[in-house]
N, C-alpha and C. Protein backbone atom coordinates (compact mmCIF):
# COMPACT_ATOMS: atom_id res chain seq x y z
N MET A 1 -15.94 -7.32 -2.78
CA MET A 1 -15.90 -6.75 -1.46
C MET A 1 -14.81 -5.69 -1.42
N THR A 2 -15.03 -4.64 -0.65
CA THR A 2 -14.06 -3.57 -0.49
C THR A 2 -13.59 -3.51 0.95
N TYR A 3 -12.29 -3.41 1.12
CA TYR A 3 -11.67 -3.35 2.45
C TYR A 3 -10.91 -2.03 2.55
N ARG A 4 -11.09 -1.35 3.66
CA ARG A 4 -10.44 -0.04 3.86
C ARG A 4 -9.28 -0.20 4.84
N HIS A 5 -8.15 0.39 4.49
CA HIS A 5 -6.95 0.36 5.32
C HIS A 5 -6.47 1.80 5.48
N VAL A 6 -6.35 2.25 6.71
CA VAL A 6 -5.97 3.63 6.97
C VAL A 6 -4.54 3.66 7.51
N VAL A 7 -3.70 4.44 6.84
CA VAL A 7 -2.31 4.61 7.28
C VAL A 7 -2.29 5.67 8.36
N ARG A 8 -1.57 5.38 9.44
CA ARG A 8 -1.53 6.34 10.54
C ARG A 8 -1.02 7.69 10.06
N ARG A 9 -1.58 8.72 10.62
CA ARG A 9 -1.24 10.09 10.22
C ARG A 9 0.19 10.42 10.63
N GLY A 10 0.79 11.32 9.89
CA GLY A 10 2.12 11.80 10.21
C GLY A 10 3.26 10.99 9.63
N ALA A 11 2.95 9.96 8.84
CA ALA A 11 4.00 9.11 8.25
C ALA A 11 4.43 9.73 6.92
N HIS A 12 5.33 10.70 6.98
CA HIS A 12 5.72 11.44 5.78
C HIS A 12 7.09 11.06 5.25
N SER A 13 8.03 10.73 6.12
CA SER A 13 9.35 10.34 5.63
C SER A 13 9.23 8.99 4.93
N LYS A 14 10.18 8.67 4.08
CA LYS A 14 10.13 7.40 3.36
C LYS A 14 10.05 6.22 4.34
N LYS A 15 10.93 6.20 5.32
CA LYS A 15 10.96 5.10 6.29
C LYS A 15 9.64 5.00 7.07
N ALA A 16 9.14 6.13 7.55
CA ALA A 16 7.89 6.13 8.32
C ALA A 16 6.71 5.71 7.45
N ALA A 17 6.67 6.19 6.21
CA ALA A 17 5.56 5.85 5.31
C ALA A 17 5.56 4.37 4.98
N ILE A 18 6.73 3.83 4.67
CA ILE A 18 6.81 2.40 4.34
C ILE A 18 6.35 1.57 5.54
N GLY A 19 6.82 1.91 6.73
CA GLY A 19 6.42 1.18 7.92
C GLY A 19 4.93 1.29 8.22
N ALA A 20 4.38 2.49 8.04
CA ALA A 20 2.96 2.70 8.32
C ALA A 20 2.07 1.98 7.30
N ILE A 21 2.49 1.96 6.05
CA ILE A 21 1.72 1.23 5.03
C ILE A 21 1.78 -0.26 5.32
N ALA A 22 2.96 -0.76 5.68
CA ALA A 22 3.10 -2.17 6.03
C ALA A 22 2.19 -2.54 7.20
N GLU A 23 2.12 -1.66 8.17
CA GLU A 23 1.25 -1.88 9.33
C GLU A 23 -0.22 -1.88 8.93
N ALA A 24 -0.61 -0.90 8.13
CA ALA A 24 -2.02 -0.76 7.74
C ALA A 24 -2.51 -1.96 6.94
N LEU A 25 -1.62 -2.54 6.13
CA LEU A 25 -2.01 -3.68 5.28
C LEU A 25 -1.57 -5.02 5.87
N SER A 26 -1.09 -5.00 7.10
CA SER A 26 -0.67 -6.23 7.80
C SER A 26 0.31 -7.05 6.96
N PHE A 27 1.36 -6.37 6.46
CA PHE A 27 2.35 -7.08 5.65
C PHE A 27 2.94 -8.26 6.42
N PRO A 28 3.32 -9.31 5.71
CA PRO A 28 3.92 -10.48 6.36
C PRO A 28 5.30 -10.15 6.97
N ASP A 29 5.76 -11.01 7.85
CA ASP A 29 7.03 -10.81 8.54
C ASP A 29 8.22 -10.71 7.60
N TRP A 30 8.13 -11.33 6.44
CA TRP A 30 9.27 -11.34 5.51
C TRP A 30 9.42 -10.03 4.74
N PHE A 31 8.56 -9.06 4.95
CA PHE A 31 8.63 -7.78 4.25
C PHE A 31 9.97 -7.10 4.50
N GLY A 32 10.61 -6.60 3.45
CA GLY A 32 11.97 -6.06 3.51
C GLY A 32 12.14 -4.60 3.87
N HIS A 33 11.07 -3.84 4.06
CA HIS A 33 11.12 -2.44 4.49
C HIS A 33 11.95 -1.54 3.57
N ASN A 34 11.79 -1.70 2.26
CA ASN A 34 12.38 -0.79 1.29
C ASN A 34 11.39 -0.62 0.14
N LEU A 35 11.67 0.26 -0.79
CA LEU A 35 10.71 0.56 -1.86
C LEU A 35 10.44 -0.64 -2.77
N ASP A 36 11.46 -1.43 -3.07
CA ASP A 36 11.24 -2.61 -3.91
C ASP A 36 10.34 -3.62 -3.21
N ALA A 37 10.60 -3.84 -1.93
CA ALA A 37 9.77 -4.76 -1.16
C ALA A 37 8.35 -4.23 -1.00
N LEU A 38 8.22 -2.91 -0.87
CA LEU A 38 6.90 -2.30 -0.78
C LEU A 38 6.10 -2.61 -2.04
N TYR A 39 6.71 -2.39 -3.20
CA TYR A 39 6.04 -2.68 -4.47
C TYR A 39 5.67 -4.17 -4.55
N ASP A 40 6.60 -5.04 -4.19
CA ASP A 40 6.33 -6.48 -4.26
C ASP A 40 5.13 -6.87 -3.40
N CYS A 41 5.07 -6.35 -2.18
CA CYS A 41 3.94 -6.69 -1.30
C CYS A 41 2.64 -6.07 -1.79
N LEU A 42 2.70 -4.83 -2.26
CA LEU A 42 1.49 -4.17 -2.73
C LEU A 42 0.89 -4.83 -3.97
N THR A 43 1.72 -5.45 -4.77
CA THR A 43 1.22 -6.12 -5.98
C THR A 43 0.91 -7.59 -5.72
N ASP A 44 1.13 -8.05 -4.52
CA ASP A 44 0.84 -9.44 -4.14
C ASP A 44 -0.46 -9.49 -3.32
N LEU A 45 -0.41 -8.99 -2.11
CA LEU A 45 -1.55 -8.95 -1.17
C LEU A 45 -2.22 -10.31 -0.98
N SER A 46 -1.50 -11.39 -1.21
CA SER A 46 -2.09 -12.73 -1.12
C SER A 46 -2.52 -13.11 0.30
N TRP A 47 -2.03 -12.45 1.32
CA TRP A 47 -2.41 -12.74 2.70
C TRP A 47 -3.73 -12.04 3.08
N LEU A 48 -4.22 -11.20 2.18
CA LEU A 48 -5.50 -10.51 2.40
C LEU A 48 -6.60 -11.15 1.55
N PRO A 49 -7.85 -10.96 1.93
CA PRO A 49 -8.94 -11.54 1.12
C PRO A 49 -9.02 -10.89 -0.26
N GLU A 50 -9.58 -11.62 -1.20
CA GLU A 50 -9.77 -11.08 -2.54
C GLU A 50 -10.75 -9.91 -2.48
N GLY A 51 -10.55 -8.95 -3.36
CA GLY A 51 -11.42 -7.77 -3.42
C GLY A 51 -10.60 -6.52 -3.58
N GLU A 52 -11.25 -5.39 -3.45
CA GLU A 52 -10.56 -4.10 -3.55
C GLU A 52 -10.07 -3.69 -2.17
N HIS A 53 -8.81 -3.31 -2.12
CA HIS A 53 -8.21 -2.84 -0.87
C HIS A 53 -7.89 -1.36 -1.04
N VAL A 54 -8.64 -0.53 -0.33
CA VAL A 54 -8.50 0.91 -0.42
C VAL A 54 -7.55 1.37 0.68
N LEU A 55 -6.45 1.96 0.27
CA LEU A 55 -5.44 2.45 1.20
C LEU A 55 -5.58 3.96 1.30
N GLU A 56 -5.88 4.44 2.49
CA GLU A 56 -6.01 5.88 2.73
C GLU A 56 -4.73 6.38 3.37
N TRP A 57 -4.04 7.26 2.65
CA TRP A 57 -2.78 7.81 3.13
C TRP A 57 -2.74 9.29 2.83
N GLU A 58 -2.26 10.09 3.75
CA GLU A 58 -2.24 11.54 3.57
C GLU A 58 -1.13 12.00 2.64
N GLY A 59 -0.25 11.10 2.23
CA GLY A 59 0.82 11.46 1.33
C GLY A 59 1.98 12.09 2.07
N GLY A 60 2.91 12.64 1.29
CA GLY A 60 4.02 13.33 1.91
C GLY A 60 5.38 12.85 1.47
N ASN A 61 5.46 11.78 0.67
CA ASN A 61 6.74 11.31 0.17
C ASN A 61 6.59 10.91 -1.29
N ALA A 62 7.27 11.62 -2.16
CA ALA A 62 7.12 11.39 -3.60
C ALA A 62 7.56 10.00 -4.03
N ASP A 63 8.63 9.47 -3.43
CA ASP A 63 9.10 8.13 -3.79
C ASP A 63 8.04 7.07 -3.45
N VAL A 64 7.47 7.17 -2.28
CA VAL A 64 6.45 6.22 -1.85
C VAL A 64 5.19 6.39 -2.71
N GLU A 65 4.81 7.62 -2.99
CA GLU A 65 3.63 7.87 -3.83
C GLU A 65 3.80 7.26 -5.21
N ALA A 66 5.01 7.31 -5.76
CA ALA A 66 5.27 6.71 -7.08
C ALA A 66 5.09 5.20 -7.03
N VAL A 67 5.59 4.57 -5.96
CA VAL A 67 5.43 3.12 -5.81
C VAL A 67 3.95 2.77 -5.65
N LEU A 68 3.23 3.54 -4.86
CA LEU A 68 1.79 3.28 -4.68
C LEU A 68 1.04 3.38 -6.01
N ALA A 69 1.37 4.39 -6.80
CA ALA A 69 0.70 4.56 -8.10
C ALA A 69 1.02 3.39 -9.04
N ASP A 70 2.28 2.99 -9.09
CA ASP A 70 2.67 1.86 -9.94
C ASP A 70 2.00 0.57 -9.49
N ALA A 71 1.96 0.35 -8.18
CA ALA A 71 1.34 -0.87 -7.66
C ALA A 71 -0.16 -0.88 -7.91
N ALA A 72 -0.81 0.26 -7.75
CA ALA A 72 -2.25 0.33 -8.01
C ALA A 72 -2.55 0.01 -9.47
N ALA A 73 -1.74 0.54 -10.37
CA ALA A 73 -1.93 0.26 -11.80
C ALA A 73 -1.72 -1.23 -12.09
N ARG A 74 -0.70 -1.80 -11.48
CA ARG A 74 -0.41 -3.22 -11.71
C ARG A 74 -1.54 -4.12 -11.17
N THR A 75 -2.03 -3.83 -9.98
CA THR A 75 -3.09 -4.68 -9.42
C THR A 75 -4.38 -4.56 -10.20
N ALA A 76 -4.61 -3.41 -10.82
CA ALA A 76 -5.81 -3.25 -11.67
C ALA A 76 -5.74 -4.21 -12.85
N GLU A 77 -4.54 -4.49 -13.33
CA GLU A 77 -4.35 -5.44 -14.43
C GLU A 77 -4.52 -6.88 -13.96
N LEU A 78 -4.11 -7.16 -12.72
CA LEU A 78 -4.12 -8.54 -12.21
C LEU A 78 -5.51 -9.00 -11.80
N GLY A 79 -6.26 -8.12 -11.13
CA GLY A 79 -7.66 -8.39 -10.89
C GLY A 79 -8.19 -8.94 -9.60
N ASP A 80 -7.59 -9.92 -8.93
CA ASP A 80 -8.27 -10.53 -7.77
C ASP A 80 -8.12 -9.72 -6.48
N ARG A 81 -7.01 -9.00 -6.33
CA ARG A 81 -6.80 -8.11 -5.18
C ARG A 81 -6.33 -6.78 -5.74
N VAL A 82 -7.23 -5.83 -5.79
CA VAL A 82 -6.94 -4.54 -6.41
C VAL A 82 -6.64 -3.52 -5.33
N LEU A 83 -5.55 -2.78 -5.52
CA LEU A 83 -5.17 -1.71 -4.60
C LEU A 83 -5.63 -0.38 -5.16
N THR A 84 -6.35 0.37 -4.34
CA THR A 84 -6.74 1.73 -4.68
C THR A 84 -6.19 2.63 -3.60
N VAL A 85 -5.55 3.71 -4.01
CA VAL A 85 -4.97 4.65 -3.03
C VAL A 85 -5.80 5.92 -3.06
N VAL A 86 -6.22 6.38 -1.89
CA VAL A 86 -6.95 7.63 -1.78
C VAL A 86 -6.22 8.54 -0.81
N TYR A 87 -6.29 9.81 -1.11
CA TYR A 87 -5.65 10.84 -0.27
C TYR A 87 -6.77 11.68 0.33
N PRO A 88 -6.95 11.63 1.65
CA PRO A 88 -8.05 12.39 2.28
C PRO A 88 -7.82 13.89 2.13
N ASP A 89 -8.90 14.63 2.20
CA ASP A 89 -8.82 16.09 2.10
C ASP A 89 -8.20 16.69 3.33
């Protein structure tokens, strides 16, 4: 099954992007709101159903984009909850 998660537009700063991604993926309350915590949650996703989770984000922050790319690669290895990041045109 594939699930689509859309990050609200305009979240370009690191803080805004992290918060918007957390909101789009319904991160748990214990989420730490930093890049390390972002990676940890993105590679876990245990609170979401198994399947592919497609995150649509317009981009805008290189640090966050690097974490998203690393997390997507890691979840592809793990298998039950795969993160795919897409950037709309």
